[in-house]
Amino acid sequence: MKIPCDGLLFDNDGVLVDSDLGVDQAWSRWALARGLSAEQVTAMVHGRRSADTVALLVTDPGERPSALAEIDRLEIEAAATTTALPGALDLLSSLPDGSWAVVTSGVTGLARARLTAAGLPLPPVLITADDVTHGKPAPDGYLAAAARLGADPARTVVLEDAVAGAEAGEAAGAYVIGVGPRGLDTGAQVVVRDLRGLTWHDGVLDLSAADLLRS
């Protein structure tokens, strides 16, 4: 399978890095301190900005700024547990500047901390929760990344593991590829196990050697 495209737009968590341990640790501590179910909270955070999750869970608007600051601090503290997902380093290292971006629901400090902990290169274009008014599933982040690359969104490929992120990519007009087991819950027609076997050369993303979970 070969997909013509001018840019690759990666989600971070669940696509490039495995941050699940840190996410579970941070959000569990945050939830338990507020008398909430850690299991229910950790199940709902993937693909969302922390600000959007806090807005859903903290009913008093006056308490939200401190609650948001706390979870952002806890997540950055837990970022050291982050590891690179299979194939991420090889693929990113092969891509020239101007051909790829990372679009994440995390804040800038958290995104950089997780990429650094995982030993992955910092992207030439990084769009985070700090850069958009509306988080995923709104398309703002992916549209901003495509614009920064100088690419038509319809000529980009979004790689996502979360439903909200896949919906954001689709709303931006990009071709969406699901990644990992969570990617099977998205509406993506093509889902790869991980980034191993993916290559990009001369405007073509080649999935011929990828492990496809759905195609």
N, C-alpha and C. Protein backbone atom coordinates (compact mmCIF):
# COMPACT_ATOMS: atom_id res chain seq x y z
N MET A 1 0.84 -1.19 0.00
CA MET A 1 0.00 0.00 0.00
C MET A 1 0.88 1.24 0.00
N LYS A 2 0.65 2.13 -0.95
CA LYS A 2 1.43 3.35 -1.07
C LYS A 2 0.48 4.54 -1.14
N ILE A 3 0.74 5.55 -0.29
CA ILE A 3 -0.15 6.70 -0.17
C ILE A 3 0.62 7.97 -0.54
N PRO A 4 0.27 8.62 -1.64
CA PRO A 4 0.93 9.89 -1.98
C PRO A 4 0.60 10.95 -0.91
N CYS A 5 1.61 11.67 -0.43
CA CYS A 5 1.36 12.71 0.58
C CYS A 5 2.56 13.63 0.66
N ASP A 6 2.28 14.87 1.08
CA ASP A 6 3.34 15.87 1.19
C ASP A 6 3.81 16.08 2.62
N GLY A 7 3.12 15.47 3.58
CA GLY A 7 3.52 15.63 4.97
C GLY A 7 2.91 14.56 5.85
N LEU A 8 3.65 14.20 6.89
CA LEU A 8 3.19 13.23 7.88
C LEU A 8 2.96 13.96 9.19
N LEU A 9 1.76 13.82 9.74
CA LEU A 9 1.36 14.50 10.96
C LEU A 9 1.10 13.44 12.03
N PHE A 10 1.99 13.39 13.02
CA PHE A 10 1.94 12.35 14.04
C PHE A 10 1.29 12.86 15.32
N ASP A 11 0.37 12.08 15.86
CA ASP A 11 0.04 12.21 17.27
C ASP A 11 1.28 11.73 18.04
N ASN A 12 1.39 12.12 19.30
CA ASN A 12 2.57 11.72 20.07
C ASN A 12 2.30 10.46 20.88
N ASP A 13 1.46 10.59 21.90
CA ASP A 13 1.21 9.48 22.84
C ASP A 13 0.43 8.37 22.16
N GLY A 14 0.98 7.17 22.20
CA GLY A 14 0.33 6.02 21.59
C GLY A 14 0.70 5.80 20.14
N VAL A 15 1.43 6.76 19.56
CA VAL A 15 1.89 6.63 18.17
C VAL A 15 3.41 6.64 18.12
N LEU A 16 4.01 7.68 18.70
CA LEU A 16 5.47 7.77 18.76
C LEU A 16 6.01 7.26 20.09
N VAL A 17 5.31 7.55 21.17
CA VAL A 17 5.79 7.18 22.50
C VAL A 17 4.73 6.41 23.27
N ASP A 18 5.22 5.57 24.18
CA ASP A 18 4.35 4.87 25.13
C ASP A 18 4.44 5.62 26.46
N SER A 19 3.42 6.40 26.74
CA SER A 19 3.37 7.18 27.97
C SER A 19 2.29 6.68 28.91
N ASP A 20 1.74 5.49 28.63
CA ASP A 20 0.60 5.00 29.39
C ASP A 20 0.89 4.88 30.88
N LEU A 21 2.10 4.43 31.24
CA LEU A 21 2.43 4.27 32.65
C LEU A 21 2.38 5.62 33.36
N GLY A 22 3.01 6.61 32.76
CA GLY A 22 3.02 7.94 33.35
C GLY A 22 1.63 8.55 33.41
N VAL A 23 0.85 8.37 32.35
CA VAL A 23 -0.52 8.87 32.31
C VAL A 23 -1.34 8.25 33.44
N ASP A 24 -1.25 6.94 33.58
CA ASP A 24 -2.02 6.25 34.63
C ASP A 24 -1.58 6.71 36.02
N GLN A 25 -0.27 6.85 36.23
CA GLN A 25 0.22 7.27 37.53
C GLN A 25 -0.28 8.68 37.87
N ALA A 26 -0.10 9.60 36.93
CA ALA A 26 -0.44 10.99 37.19
C ALA A 26 -1.93 11.20 37.38
N TRP A 27 -2.72 10.67 36.45
CA TRP A 27 -4.16 10.88 36.53
C TRP A 27 -4.79 10.11 37.69
N SER A 28 -4.22 8.96 38.04
CA SER A 28 -4.74 8.22 39.20
C SER A 28 -4.53 9.03 40.48
N ARG A 29 -3.35 9.60 40.65
CA ARG A 29 -3.08 10.44 41.83
C ARG A 29 -4.02 11.63 41.86
N TRP A 30 -4.19 12.25 40.70
CA TRP A 30 -5.05 13.42 40.58
C TRP A 30 -6.50 13.07 40.93
N ALA A 31 -6.97 11.94 40.39
CA ALA A 31 -8.36 11.52 40.62
C ALA A 31 -8.61 11.17 42.08
N LEU A 32 -7.73 10.37 42.65
CA LEU A 32 -7.93 9.92 44.03
C LEU A 32 -7.92 11.09 45.01
N ALA A 33 -7.13 12.11 44.72
CA ALA A 33 -7.08 13.30 45.59
C ALA A 33 -8.41 14.05 45.57
N ARG A 34 -9.24 13.78 44.55
CA ARG A 34 -10.53 14.45 44.42
C ARG A 34 -11.70 13.51 44.65
N GLY A 35 -11.40 12.32 45.13
CA GLY A 35 -12.47 11.37 45.41
C GLY A 35 -13.11 10.79 44.17
N LEU A 36 -12.39 10.82 43.06
CA LEU A 36 -12.91 10.27 41.82
C LEU A 36 -12.35 8.88 41.56
N SER A 37 -13.01 8.13 40.70
CA SER A 37 -12.54 6.80 40.34
C SER A 37 -11.33 6.92 39.42
N ALA A 38 -10.19 6.41 39.86
CA ALA A 38 -8.99 6.46 39.04
C ALA A 38 -9.20 5.69 37.74
N GLU A 39 -9.89 4.56 37.81
CA GLU A 39 -10.11 3.74 36.62
C GLU A 39 -10.96 4.48 35.59
N GLN A 40 -12.01 5.15 36.05
CA GLN A 40 -12.87 5.87 35.12
C GLN A 40 -12.17 7.08 34.52
N VAL A 41 -11.38 7.76 35.32
CA VAL A 41 -10.69 8.95 34.84
C VAL A 41 -9.62 8.58 33.83
N THR A 42 -8.80 7.58 34.14
CA THR A 42 -7.73 7.21 33.22
C THR A 42 -8.28 6.66 31.90
N ALA A 43 -9.49 6.14 31.92
CA ALA A 43 -10.08 5.59 30.70
C ALA A 43 -10.54 6.69 29.74
N MET A 44 -10.69 7.91 30.23
CA MET A 44 -11.28 8.96 29.40
C MET A 44 -10.28 10.01 28.94
N VAL A 45 -9.02 9.90 29.34
CA VAL A 45 -8.10 11.00 29.08
C VAL A 45 -7.37 10.91 27.73
N HIS A 46 -7.33 9.74 27.12
CA HIS A 46 -6.52 9.57 25.91
C HIS A 46 -7.07 10.40 24.75
N GLY A 47 -6.17 11.16 24.13
CA GLY A 47 -6.55 11.96 22.97
C GLY A 47 -7.14 13.31 23.31
N ARG A 48 -7.30 13.63 24.59
CA ARG A 48 -7.88 14.90 25.00
C ARG A 48 -6.82 15.80 25.63
N ARG A 49 -7.01 17.11 25.50
CA ARG A 49 -6.20 18.05 26.27
C ARG A 49 -6.55 17.92 27.74
N SER A 50 -5.56 18.08 28.60
CA SER A 50 -5.83 18.01 30.04
C SER A 50 -6.85 19.06 30.43
N ALA A 51 -6.83 20.23 29.79
CA ALA A 51 -7.80 21.28 30.11
C ALA A 51 -9.22 20.83 29.82
N ASP A 52 -9.41 20.08 28.73
CA ASP A 52 -10.75 19.61 28.39
C ASP A 52 -11.22 18.54 29.36
N THR A 53 -10.31 17.66 29.79
CA THR A 53 -10.68 16.64 30.77
C THR A 53 -11.02 17.27 32.11
N VAL A 54 -10.19 18.22 32.53
CA VAL A 54 -10.45 18.91 33.80
C VAL A 54 -11.79 19.62 33.75
N ALA A 55 -12.12 20.24 32.63
CA ALA A 55 -13.40 20.94 32.51
C ALA A 55 -14.59 19.99 32.66
N LEU A 56 -14.41 18.75 32.22
CA LEU A 56 -15.47 17.76 32.35
C LEU A 56 -15.63 17.25 33.78
N LEU A 57 -14.52 17.21 34.52
CA LEU A 57 -14.53 16.55 35.83
C LEU A 57 -14.61 17.50 37.02
N VAL A 58 -14.20 18.73 36.83
CA VAL A 58 -14.22 19.70 37.93
C VAL A 58 -15.39 20.65 37.70
N THR A 59 -16.41 20.53 38.52
CA THR A 59 -17.65 21.27 38.29
C THR A 59 -17.53 22.75 38.62
N ASP A 60 -16.67 23.11 39.55
CA ASP A 60 -16.52 24.51 39.95
C ASP A 60 -15.48 25.17 39.05
N PRO A 61 -15.90 26.11 38.19
CA PRO A 61 -14.93 26.76 37.30
C PRO A 61 -13.78 27.44 38.03
N GLY A 62 -14.03 27.89 39.26
CA GLY A 62 -12.99 28.55 40.02
C GLY A 62 -11.87 27.62 40.45
N GLU A 63 -12.16 26.31 40.51
CA GLU A 63 -11.15 25.34 40.92
C GLU A 63 -10.35 24.79 39.74
N ARG A 64 -10.81 25.05 38.54
CA ARG A 64 -10.19 24.42 37.37
C ARG A 64 -8.74 24.85 37.13
N PRO A 65 -8.40 26.13 37.28
CA PRO A 65 -7.00 26.50 37.02
C PRO A 65 -6.00 25.76 37.91
N SER A 66 -6.29 25.63 39.20
CA SER A 66 -5.37 24.92 40.08
C SER A 66 -5.38 23.43 39.80
N ALA A 67 -6.54 22.88 39.46
CA ALA A 67 -6.62 21.46 39.12
C ALA A 67 -5.85 21.16 37.85
N LEU A 68 -5.91 22.06 36.89
CA LEU A 68 -5.17 21.88 35.64
C LEU A 68 -3.67 21.99 35.88
N ALA A 69 -3.27 22.97 36.67
CA ALA A 69 -1.84 23.13 36.97
C ALA A 69 -1.29 21.90 37.67
N GLU A 70 -2.11 21.29 38.53
CA GLU A 70 -1.65 20.11 39.26
C GLU A 70 -1.45 18.91 38.34
N ILE A 71 -2.41 18.65 37.44
CA ILE A 71 -2.26 17.48 36.59
C ILE A 71 -1.13 17.69 35.58
N ASP A 72 -0.96 18.92 35.11
CA ASP A 72 0.16 19.17 34.20
C ASP A 72 1.50 18.92 34.91
N ARG A 73 1.58 19.32 36.19
CA ARG A 73 2.81 19.10 36.96
C ARG A 73 3.03 17.60 37.18
N LEU A 74 1.98 16.87 37.54
CA LEU A 74 2.11 15.44 37.79
C LEU A 74 2.53 14.69 36.53
N GLU A 75 1.97 15.09 35.38
CA GLU A 75 2.32 14.39 34.14
C GLU A 75 3.76 14.65 33.74
N ILE A 76 4.23 15.89 33.91
CA ILE A 76 5.63 16.18 33.58
C ILE A 76 6.56 15.41 34.51
N GLU A 77 6.20 15.30 35.79
CA GLU A 77 7.02 14.53 36.73
C GLU A 77 7.10 13.07 36.31
N ALA A 78 6.00 12.54 35.74
CA ALA A 78 5.96 11.13 35.35
C ALA A 78 6.49 10.87 33.95
N ALA A 79 6.91 11.93 33.25
CA ALA A 79 7.34 11.78 31.86
C ALA A 79 8.58 10.92 31.73
N ALA A 80 9.35 10.79 32.80
CA ALA A 80 10.59 10.00 32.73
C ALA A 80 10.33 8.53 32.43
N THR A 81 9.10 8.07 32.65
CA THR A 81 8.77 6.66 32.39
C THR A 81 8.45 6.40 30.91
N THR A 82 8.46 7.44 30.09
CA THR A 82 8.07 7.32 28.69
C THR A 82 9.12 6.58 27.87
N THR A 83 8.68 5.72 26.98
CA THR A 83 9.58 5.00 26.07
C THR A 83 9.11 5.17 24.63
N ALA A 84 10.02 4.97 23.70
CA ALA A 84 9.67 5.06 22.27
C ALA A 84 8.92 3.81 21.85
N LEU A 85 7.93 3.97 21.00
CA LEU A 85 7.22 2.83 20.45
C LEU A 85 8.00 2.25 19.27
N PRO A 86 7.81 0.97 18.98
CA PRO A 86 8.58 0.32 17.91
C PRO A 86 8.44 1.04 16.57
N GLY A 87 9.57 1.26 15.94
CA GLY A 87 9.59 1.87 14.62
C GLY A 87 9.63 3.38 14.60
N ALA A 88 9.36 4.01 15.75
CA ALA A 88 9.27 5.47 15.76
C ALA A 88 10.61 6.13 15.45
N LEU A 89 11.67 5.68 16.11
CA LEU A 89 12.98 6.31 15.90
C LEU A 89 13.46 6.13 14.47
N ASP A 90 13.32 4.93 13.94
CA ASP A 90 13.79 4.68 12.57
C ASP A 90 13.04 5.56 11.56
N LEU A 91 11.72 5.65 11.71
CA LEU A 91 10.94 6.42 10.76
C LEU A 91 11.26 7.91 10.88
N LEU A 92 11.24 8.45 12.10
CA LEU A 92 11.48 9.88 12.27
C LEU A 92 12.88 10.27 11.81
N SER A 93 13.85 9.41 12.07
CA SER A 93 15.23 9.71 11.69
C SER A 93 15.42 9.74 10.18
N SER A 94 14.52 9.11 9.46
CA SER A 94 14.64 9.05 8.01
C SER A 94 13.94 10.20 7.30
N LEU A 95 13.17 10.99 8.05
CA LEU A 95 12.35 12.03 7.44
C LEU A 95 13.09 13.36 7.38
N PRO A 96 13.05 14.04 6.26
CA PRO A 96 13.69 15.36 6.17
C PRO A 96 12.86 16.42 6.86
N ASP A 97 13.51 17.49 7.33
CA ASP A 97 12.79 18.61 7.89
C ASP A 97 11.80 19.15 6.86
N GLY A 98 10.67 19.58 7.35
CA GLY A 98 9.66 20.11 6.45
C GLY A 98 8.69 19.07 5.95
N SER A 99 8.89 17.81 6.35
CA SER A 99 8.00 16.75 5.88
C SER A 99 7.14 16.16 7.00
N TRP A 100 7.40 16.57 8.26
CA TRP A 100 6.64 15.95 9.35
C TRP A 100 6.45 16.92 10.50
N ALA A 101 5.42 16.61 11.29
CA ALA A 101 5.08 17.42 12.45
C ALA A 101 4.46 16.51 13.51
N VAL A 102 4.45 16.98 14.74
CA VAL A 102 3.77 16.29 15.84
C VAL A 102 2.65 17.19 16.33
N VAL A 103 1.47 16.61 16.46
CA VAL A 103 0.29 17.32 16.94
C VAL A 103 -0.24 16.56 18.15
N THR A 104 -0.11 17.16 19.32
CA THR A 104 -0.45 16.44 20.55
C THR A 104 -1.42 17.23 21.41
N SER A 105 -2.20 16.50 22.20
CA SER A 105 -3.11 17.14 23.15
C SER A 105 -2.39 17.55 24.43
N GLY A 106 -1.13 17.16 24.59
CA GLY A 106 -0.35 17.55 25.75
C GLY A 106 0.14 18.99 25.62
N VAL A 107 0.49 19.58 26.75
CA VAL A 107 1.08 20.92 26.71
C VAL A 107 2.52 20.81 26.20
N THR A 108 3.10 21.94 25.84
CA THR A 108 4.42 21.94 25.20
C THR A 108 5.49 21.30 26.08
N GLY A 109 5.52 21.68 27.36
CA GLY A 109 6.54 21.12 28.26
C GLY A 109 6.43 19.62 28.39
N LEU A 110 5.21 19.12 28.43
CA LEU A 110 5.00 17.68 28.55
C LEU A 110 5.40 16.95 27.28
N ALA A 111 5.02 17.50 26.14
CA ALA A 111 5.37 16.86 24.86
C ALA A 111 6.88 16.75 24.71
N ARG A 112 7.57 17.84 24.99
CA ARG A 112 9.03 17.83 24.87
C ARG A 112 9.66 16.86 25.86
N ALA A 113 9.13 16.82 27.09
CA ALA A 113 9.68 15.93 28.11
C ALA A 113 9.52 14.47 27.70
N ARG A 114 8.37 14.12 27.14
CA ARG A 114 8.13 12.72 26.76
C ARG A 114 8.99 12.33 25.55
N LEU A 115 9.08 13.19 24.56
CA LEU A 115 9.93 12.88 23.40
C LEU A 115 11.38 12.72 23.81
N THR A 116 11.84 13.60 24.68
CA THR A 116 13.23 13.54 25.14
C THR A 116 13.48 12.27 25.94
N ALA A 117 12.57 11.94 26.86
CA ALA A 117 12.72 10.72 27.67
C ALA A 117 12.75 9.48 26.79
N ALA A 118 12.00 9.52 25.68
CA ALA A 118 11.93 8.37 24.77
C ALA A 118 13.11 8.31 23.81
N GLY A 119 13.95 9.35 23.82
CA GLY A 119 15.10 9.35 22.92
C GLY A 119 14.75 9.65 21.47
N LEU A 120 13.65 10.36 21.26
CA LEU A 120 13.22 10.68 19.90
C LEU A 120 13.59 12.13 19.56
N PRO A 121 13.80 12.42 18.29
CA PRO A 121 14.14 13.80 17.90
C PRO A 121 12.95 14.73 18.11
N LEU A 122 13.24 15.95 18.53
CA LEU A 122 12.18 16.95 18.62
C LEU A 122 11.76 17.34 17.21
N PRO A 123 10.46 17.47 16.98
CA PRO A 123 10.00 17.72 15.61
C PRO A 123 10.28 19.13 15.15
N PRO A 124 10.45 19.31 13.84
CA PRO A 124 10.62 20.66 13.31
C PRO A 124 9.37 21.51 13.50
N VAL A 125 8.22 20.87 13.55
CA VAL A 125 6.95 21.54 13.81
C VAL A 125 6.25 20.78 14.93
N LEU A 126 5.96 21.48 16.03
CA LEU A 126 5.28 20.87 17.17
C LEU A 126 4.07 21.73 17.53
N ILE A 127 2.89 21.14 17.40
CA ILE A 127 1.64 21.82 17.76
C ILE A 127 1.09 21.12 19.00
N THR A 128 0.90 21.89 20.07
CA THR A 128 0.46 21.32 21.34
C THR A 128 -0.84 21.96 21.80
N ALA A 129 -1.28 21.55 22.98
CA ALA A 129 -2.50 22.12 23.56
C ALA A 129 -2.37 23.62 23.77
N ASP A 130 -1.14 24.11 23.91
CA ASP A 130 -0.92 25.54 24.13
C ASP A 130 -1.14 26.37 22.86
N ASP A 131 -1.17 25.70 21.71
CA ASP A 131 -1.20 26.42 20.43
C ASP A 131 -2.58 26.50 19.79
N VAL A 132 -3.57 25.85 20.39
CA VAL A 132 -4.90 25.83 19.76
C VAL A 132 -5.97 26.26 20.76
N THR A 133 -7.03 26.83 20.24
CA THR A 133 -8.18 27.20 21.07
C THR A 133 -9.07 26.00 21.32
N HIS A 134 -9.21 25.17 20.32
CA HIS A 134 -10.06 23.98 20.41
C HIS A 134 -9.21 22.73 20.19
N GLY A 135 -9.23 21.83 21.17
CA GLY A 135 -8.47 20.59 21.06
C GLY A 135 -9.19 19.53 20.25
N LYS A 136 -8.50 18.41 20.04
CA LYS A 136 -9.12 17.28 19.34
C LYS A 136 -10.42 16.90 20.07
N PRO A 137 -11.50 16.58 19.36
CA PRO A 137 -11.62 16.22 17.94
C PRO A 137 -11.74 17.39 16.96
N ALA A 138 -11.60 18.62 17.42
CA ALA A 138 -11.55 19.74 16.48
C ALA A 138 -10.28 19.62 15.62
N PRO A 139 -10.35 20.06 14.38
CA PRO A 139 -9.21 19.88 13.47
C PRO A 139 -8.11 20.91 13.61
N ASP A 140 -8.25 21.86 14.54
CA ASP A 140 -7.35 23.02 14.61
C ASP A 140 -5.87 22.64 14.61
N GLY A 141 -5.50 21.66 15.42
CA GLY A 141 -4.09 21.29 15.54
C GLY A 141 -3.52 20.76 14.24
N TYR A 142 -4.26 19.91 13.57
CA TYR A 142 -3.77 19.33 12.33
C TYR A 142 -3.76 20.36 11.20
N LEU A 143 -4.74 21.26 11.20
CA LEU A 143 -4.73 22.33 10.20
C LEU A 143 -3.54 23.25 10.42
N ALA A 144 -3.24 23.55 11.68
CA ALA A 144 -2.09 24.42 11.98
C ALA A 144 -0.78 23.76 11.56
N ALA A 145 -0.66 22.46 11.81
CA ALA A 145 0.57 21.75 11.44
C ALA A 145 0.75 21.73 9.93
N ALA A 146 -0.31 21.45 9.20
CA ALA A 146 -0.22 21.44 7.74
C ALA A 146 0.19 22.82 7.22
N ALA A 147 -0.38 23.86 7.81
CA ALA A 147 -0.04 25.22 7.38
C ALA A 147 1.43 25.52 7.64
N ARG A 148 1.93 25.09 8.80
CA ARG A 148 3.34 25.33 9.13
C ARG A 148 4.27 24.59 8.16
N LEU A 149 3.82 23.45 7.68
CA LEU A 149 4.63 22.69 6.71
C LEU A 149 4.45 23.21 5.29
N GLY A 150 3.47 24.08 5.09
CA GLY A 150 3.18 24.57 3.76
C GLY A 150 2.51 23.53 2.89
N ALA A 151 1.75 22.62 3.54
CA ALA A 151 1.11 21.51 2.83
C ALA A 151 -0.41 21.67 2.82
N ASP A 152 -1.02 21.22 1.75
CA ASP A 152 -2.47 21.12 1.69
C ASP A 152 -2.89 20.01 2.67
N PRO A 153 -3.79 20.30 3.62
CA PRO A 153 -4.20 19.24 4.57
C PRO A 153 -4.66 17.96 3.88
N ALA A 154 -5.27 18.10 2.71
CA ALA A 154 -5.75 16.92 1.99
C ALA A 154 -4.60 16.09 1.42
N ARG A 155 -3.40 16.66 1.44
CA ARG A 155 -2.22 15.94 0.96
C ARG A 155 -1.32 15.52 2.13
N THR A 156 -1.93 15.40 3.30
CA THR A 156 -1.18 14.93 4.47
C THR A 156 -1.77 13.63 4.98
N VAL A 157 -0.95 12.90 5.74
CA VAL A 157 -1.40 11.69 6.42
C VAL A 157 -1.28 11.92 7.92
N VAL A 158 -2.36 11.67 8.63
CA VAL A 158 -2.40 11.76 10.09
C VAL A 158 -2.29 10.35 10.66
N LEU A 159 -1.40 10.18 11.64
CA LEU A 159 -1.24 8.88 12.31
C LEU A 159 -1.70 9.04 13.75
N GLU A 160 -2.75 8.31 14.11
CA GLU A 160 -3.43 8.51 15.39
C GLU A 160 -3.81 7.18 16.04
N ASP A 161 -3.86 7.20 17.38
CA ASP A 161 -4.31 6.01 18.09
C ASP A 161 -5.63 6.24 18.81
N ALA A 162 -6.10 7.49 18.89
CA ALA A 162 -7.28 7.82 19.69
C ALA A 162 -8.43 8.25 18.80
N VAL A 163 -9.64 7.96 19.26
CA VAL A 163 -10.84 8.30 18.49
C VAL A 163 -10.90 9.81 18.25
N ALA A 164 -10.69 10.60 19.31
CA ALA A 164 -10.77 12.06 19.16
C ALA A 164 -9.74 12.56 18.16
N GLY A 165 -8.55 12.00 18.19
CA GLY A 165 -7.50 12.42 17.26
C GLY A 165 -7.80 12.04 15.83
N ALA A 166 -8.33 10.83 15.63
CA ALA A 166 -8.70 10.39 14.29
C ALA A 166 -9.80 11.27 13.72
N GLU A 167 -10.77 11.63 14.56
CA GLU A 167 -11.84 12.52 14.11
C GLU A 167 -11.28 13.89 13.75
N ALA A 168 -10.27 14.35 14.49
CA ALA A 168 -9.64 15.63 14.18
C ALA A 168 -8.95 15.58 12.83
N GLY A 169 -8.23 14.48 12.57
CA GLY A 169 -7.57 14.32 11.28
C GLY A 169 -8.55 14.29 10.13
N GLU A 170 -9.64 13.55 10.31
CA GLU A 170 -10.66 13.47 9.27
C GLU A 170 -11.29 14.84 9.01
N ALA A 171 -11.57 15.57 10.10
CA ALA A 171 -12.17 16.89 9.95
C ALA A 171 -11.24 17.87 9.24
N ALA A 172 -9.93 17.63 9.38
CA ALA A 172 -8.94 18.46 8.69
C ALA A 172 -8.82 18.11 7.21
N GLY A 173 -9.39 16.98 6.82
CA GLY A 173 -9.34 16.55 5.43
C GLY A 173 -8.17 15.65 5.10
N ALA A 174 -7.45 15.21 6.14
CA ALA A 174 -6.27 14.36 5.92
C ALA A 174 -6.68 12.89 5.76
N TYR A 175 -5.73 12.10 5.25
CA TYR A 175 -5.89 10.65 5.23
C TYR A 175 -5.42 10.15 6.60
N VAL A 176 -6.28 9.41 7.30
CA VAL A 176 -5.98 9.00 8.67
C VAL A 176 -5.61 7.52 8.71
N ILE A 177 -4.49 7.23 9.37
CA ILE A 177 -4.06 5.86 9.63
C ILE A 177 -4.12 5.64 11.14
N GLY A 178 -4.80 4.59 11.56
CA GLY A 178 -4.84 4.24 12.98
C GLY A 178 -3.58 3.48 13.35
N VAL A 179 -3.17 3.65 14.60
CA VAL A 179 -1.95 3.01 15.09
C VAL A 179 -2.24 2.27 16.38
N GLY A 180 -1.83 0.99 16.44
CA GLY A 180 -1.92 0.21 17.66
C GLY A 180 -3.32 -0.30 17.93
N PRO A 181 -3.46 -1.07 19.02
CA PRO A 181 -4.78 -1.65 19.35
C PRO A 181 -5.87 -0.59 19.52
N ARG A 182 -5.53 0.54 20.13
CA ARG A 182 -6.55 1.59 20.29
C ARG A 182 -6.97 2.16 18.93
N GLY A 183 -6.08 2.07 17.95
CA GLY A 183 -6.42 2.55 16.62
C GLY A 183 -7.58 1.79 15.99
N LEU A 184 -7.81 0.57 16.45
CA LEU A 184 -8.94 -0.21 15.92
C LEU A 184 -10.27 0.38 16.35
N ASP A 185 -10.29 1.20 17.40
CA ASP A 185 -11.53 1.83 17.85
C ASP A 185 -11.86 3.08 17.04
N THR A 186 -10.93 3.54 16.22
CA THR A 186 -11.17 4.71 15.39
C THR A 186 -11.86 4.29 14.10
N GLY A 187 -12.24 5.28 13.32
CA GLY A 187 -12.87 4.98 12.04
C GLY A 187 -11.88 4.82 10.90
N ALA A 188 -10.59 4.77 11.22
CA ALA A 188 -9.58 4.67 10.17
C ALA A 188 -9.72 3.36 9.40
N GLN A 189 -9.67 3.45 8.09
CA GLN A 189 -9.78 2.25 7.26
C GLN A 189 -8.53 1.39 7.35
N VAL A 190 -7.38 2.04 7.56
CA VAL A 190 -6.11 1.33 7.67
C VAL A 190 -5.57 1.52 9.09
N VAL A 191 -5.22 0.42 9.74
CA VAL A 191 -4.63 0.47 11.09
C VAL A 191 -3.38 -0.39 11.08
N VAL A 192 -2.25 0.20 11.53
CA VAL A 192 -0.99 -0.53 11.62
C VAL A 192 -0.70 -0.84 13.08
N ARG A 193 0.01 -1.94 13.32
CA ARG A 193 0.33 -2.31 14.70
C ARG A 193 1.23 -1.26 15.35
N ASP A 194 2.21 -0.81 14.60
CA ASP A 194 3.13 0.24 15.06
C ASP A 194 3.79 0.82 13.81
N LEU A 195 4.83 1.62 13.99
CA LEU A 195 5.44 2.31 12.86
C LEU A 195 6.54 1.51 12.16
N ARG A 196 6.79 0.30 12.61
CA ARG A 196 7.79 -0.53 11.94
C ARG A 196 7.36 -0.83 10.50
N GLY A 197 8.30 -0.71 9.59
CA GLY A 197 8.02 -1.03 8.19
C GLY A 197 7.49 0.14 7.38
N LEU A 198 7.15 1.27 8.03
CA LEU A 198 6.68 2.43 7.28
C LEU A 198 7.88 3.23 6.76
N THR A 199 7.82 3.64 5.51
CA THR A 199 8.87 4.48 4.92
C THR A 199 8.22 5.59 4.12
N TRP A 200 8.93 6.71 4.00
CA TRP A 200 8.45 7.84 3.21
C TRP A 200 9.58 8.34 2.32
N HIS A 201 9.32 8.32 1.02
CA HIS A 201 10.32 8.80 0.05
C HIS A 201 9.61 9.52 -1.08
N ASP A 202 10.13 10.67 -1.45
CA ASP A 202 9.67 11.38 -2.64
C ASP A 202 8.15 11.54 -2.68
N GLY A 203 7.58 11.90 -1.53
CA GLY A 203 6.15 12.18 -1.49
C GLY A 203 5.25 10.97 -1.48
N VAL A 204 5.78 9.83 -1.07
CA VAL A 204 4.96 8.61 -1.00
C VAL A 204 5.23 7.89 0.31
N LEU A 205 4.16 7.64 1.09
CA LEU A 205 4.24 6.83 2.29
C LEU A 205 3.99 5.38 1.90
N ASP A 206 4.97 4.53 2.17
CA ASP A 206 4.89 3.12 1.78
C ASP A 206 4.62 2.27 3.00
N LEU A 207 3.49 1.55 2.98
CA LEU A 207 3.09 0.67 4.08
C LEU A 207 3.26 -0.80 3.72
N SER A 208 3.99 -1.08 2.63
CA SER A 208 4.08 -2.45 2.13
C SER A 208 4.66 -3.40 3.16
N ALA A 209 5.60 -2.90 4.01
CA ALA A 209 6.26 -3.78 4.98
C ALA A 209 5.67 -3.63 6.38
N ALA A 210 4.57 -2.89 6.51
CA ALA A 210 3.96 -2.68 7.82
C ALA A 210 3.10 -3.87 8.23
N ASP A 211 2.94 -4.02 9.55
CA ASP A 211 2.04 -5.05 10.09
C ASP A 211 0.65 -4.43 10.21
N LEU A 212 -0.23 -4.80 9.28
CA LEU A 212 -1.56 -4.20 9.23
C LEU A 212 -2.54 -4.95 10.13
N LEU A 213 -3.19 -4.20 11.01
CA LEU A 213 -4.25 -4.77 11.84
C LEU A 213 -5.61 -4.67 11.14
N ARG A 214 -5.71 -3.69 10.23
CA ARG A 214 -6.94 -3.52 9.42
C ARG A 214 -6.57 -2.81 8.14
N SER A 215 -7.14 -3.27 7.04
CA SER A 215 -6.84 -2.63 5.75
C SER A 215 -8.01 -2.83 4.80
